Amino acid sequence: MFLTNKQITQLTGYQKPALQRQWLIDNGYSFDVRADGHPVVSRAHYESHHGVIFGKRASVPDLAALDNLE
């Protein structure tokens, strides 16, 4: 799965593919380029870039451990 053109425009703030590509480079995104020049960003890369990790539970702090502090 890939981000749509609209999602890439929203992410980068640019409509022109050349400016979108430069923004993606400047912000550390990996992408491919279609024959028409538009960047293609995988949804998995986008989500991993934003800290979304599938298959892992978010850690929950053990608040009961605070009761043992003196």
C-alpha atoms as a PDB file:
ATOM      1  CA  MET A   1       0.000   0.000   0.000  1.00  0.00           C
ATOM      2  CA  PHE A   2       1.121   3.518  -0.778  1.00  0.00           C
ATOM      3  CA  LEU A   3       0.149   7.049   0.211  1.00  0.00           C
ATOM      4  CA  THR A   4      -2.191   8.674  -2.288  1.00  0.00           C
ATOM      5  CA  ASN A   5      -1.183  11.747  -4.271  1.00  0.00           C
ATOM      6  CA  LYS A   6      -3.511  13.788  -2.048  1.00  0.00           C
ATOM      7  CA  GLN A   7      -1.858  12.419   1.107  1.00  0.00           C
ATOM      8  CA  ILE A   8       1.618  13.245  -0.231  1.00  0.00           C
ATOM      9  CA  THR A   9       0.415  16.767  -1.030  1.00  0.00           C
ATOM     10  CA  GLN A  10      -0.945  17.103   2.518  1.00  0.00           C
ATOM     11  CA  LEU A  11       2.252  15.683   4.014  1.00  0.00           C
ATOM     12  CA  THR A  12       4.636  17.891   2.056  1.00  0.00           C
ATOM     13  CA  GLY A  13       2.518  20.986   1.563  1.00  0.00           C
ATOM     14  CA  TYR A  14       3.469  21.002  -2.123  1.00  0.00           C
ATOM     15  CA  GLN A  15       1.562  20.081  -5.285  1.00  0.00           C
ATOM     16  CA  LYS A  16       4.506  20.011  -7.682  1.00  0.00           C
ATOM     17  CA  PRO A  17       6.226  16.603  -7.727  1.00  0.00           C
ATOM     18  CA  ALA A  18       9.736  18.106  -7.788  1.00  0.00           C
ATOM     19  CA  LEU A  19       9.036  20.096  -4.616  1.00  0.00           C
ATOM     20  CA  GLN A  20       7.395  17.062  -2.995  1.00  0.00           C
ATOM     21  CA  ARG A  21      10.485  14.966  -3.747  1.00  0.00           C
ATOM     22  CA  GLN A  22      12.794  17.604  -2.284  1.00  0.00           C
ATOM     23  CA  TRP A  23      10.675  17.884   0.862  1.00  0.00           C
ATOM     24  CA  LEU A  24      10.702  14.109   1.284  1.00  0.00           C
ATOM     25  CA  ILE A  25      14.498  14.037   0.895  1.00  0.00           C
ATOM     26  CA  ASP A  26      14.952  16.909   3.360  1.00  0.00           C
ATOM     27  CA  ASN A  27      12.758  15.126   5.912  1.00  0.00           C
ATOM     28  CA  GLY A  28      14.339  11.689   5.661  1.00  0.00           C
ATOM     29  CA  TYR A  29      11.667   9.802   3.722  1.00  0.00           C
ATOM     30  CA  SER A  30      12.465   6.946   1.366  1.00  0.00           C
ATOM     31  CA  PHE A  31      10.463   6.963  -1.840  1.00  0.00           C
ATOM     32  CA  ASP A  32      10.375   5.805  -5.434  1.00  0.00           C
ATOM     33  CA  VAL A  33       9.506   7.963  -8.417  1.00  0.00           C
ATOM     34  CA  ARG A  34       6.769   7.061 -10.896  1.00  0.00           C
ATOM     35  CA  ALA A  35       7.202   7.601 -14.631  1.00  0.00           C
ATOM     36  CA  ASP A  36       5.185  10.828 -14.343  1.00  0.00           C
ATOM     37  CA  GLY A  37       7.619  12.204 -11.722  1.00  0.00           C
ATOM     38  CA  HIS A  38       5.365  11.837  -8.683  1.00  0.00           C
ATOM     39  CA  PRO A  39       6.985  10.393  -5.569  1.00  0.00           C
ATOM     40  CA  VAL A  40       5.651   7.105  -4.196  1.00  0.00           C
ATOM     41  CA  VAL A  41       5.864   6.593  -0.431  1.00  0.00           C
ATOM     42  CA  SER A  42       4.904   3.267   1.109  1.00  0.00           C
ATOM     43  CA  ARG A  43       2.352   3.493   3.879  1.00  0.00           C
ATOM     44  CA  ALA A  44       4.544   1.225   6.031  1.00  0.00           C
ATOM     45  CA  HIS A  45       7.500   3.612   5.660  1.00  0.00           C
ATOM     46  CA  TYR A  46       5.310   6.609   6.494  1.00  0.00           C
ATOM     47  CA  GLU A  47       3.947   4.879   9.588  1.00  0.00           C
ATOM     48  CA  SER A  48       7.374   3.695  10.763  1.00  0.00           C
ATOM     49  CA  HIS A  49       8.713   7.228  10.221  1.00  0.00           C
ATOM     50  CA  HIS A  50       6.019   8.413  12.636  1.00  0.00           C
ATOM     51  CA  GLY A  51       6.665   5.761  15.273  1.00  0.00           C
ATOM     52  CA  VAL A  52       3.852   3.362  14.450  1.00  0.00           C
ATOM     53  CA  ILE A  53       5.017  -0.196  15.096  1.00  0.00           C
ATOM     54  CA  PHE A  54       2.712  -3.052  14.185  1.00  0.00           C
ATOM     55  CA  GLY A  55       2.664  -6.278  16.123  1.00  0.00           C
ATOM     56  CA  LYS A  56       3.974  -4.731  19.341  1.00  0.00           C
ATOM     57  CA  ARG A  57       2.016  -3.558  22.309  1.00  0.00           C
ATOM     58  CA  ALA A  58       2.647  -0.153  23.715  1.00  0.00           C
ATOM     59  CA  SER A  59       4.405  -0.442  27.035  1.00  0.00           C
ATOM     60  CA  VAL A  60       2.383   0.503  30.080  1.00  0.00           C
ATOM     61  CA  PRO A  61       4.212   1.889  33.112  1.00  0.00           C
ATOM     62  CA  ASP A  62       3.994  -0.098  36.331  1.00  0.00           C
ATOM     63  CA  LEU A  63       2.562   2.580  38.598  1.00  0.00           C
ATOM     64  CA  ALA A  64       2.435   0.142  41.518  1.00  0.00           C
ATOM     65  CA  ALA A  65       6.240   0.264  41.563  1.00  0.00           C
ATOM     66  CA  LEU A  66       5.963   3.858  42.817  1.00  0.00           C
ATOM     67  CA  ASP A  67       4.353   2.555  46.014  1.00  0.00           C
ATOM     68  CA  ASN A  68       7.655   0.853  46.903  1.00  0.00           C
ATOM     69  CA  LEU A  69       9.700   4.061  46.772  1.00  0.00           C
ATOM     70  CA  GLU A  70      10.722   5.536  50.095  1.00  0.00           C
END
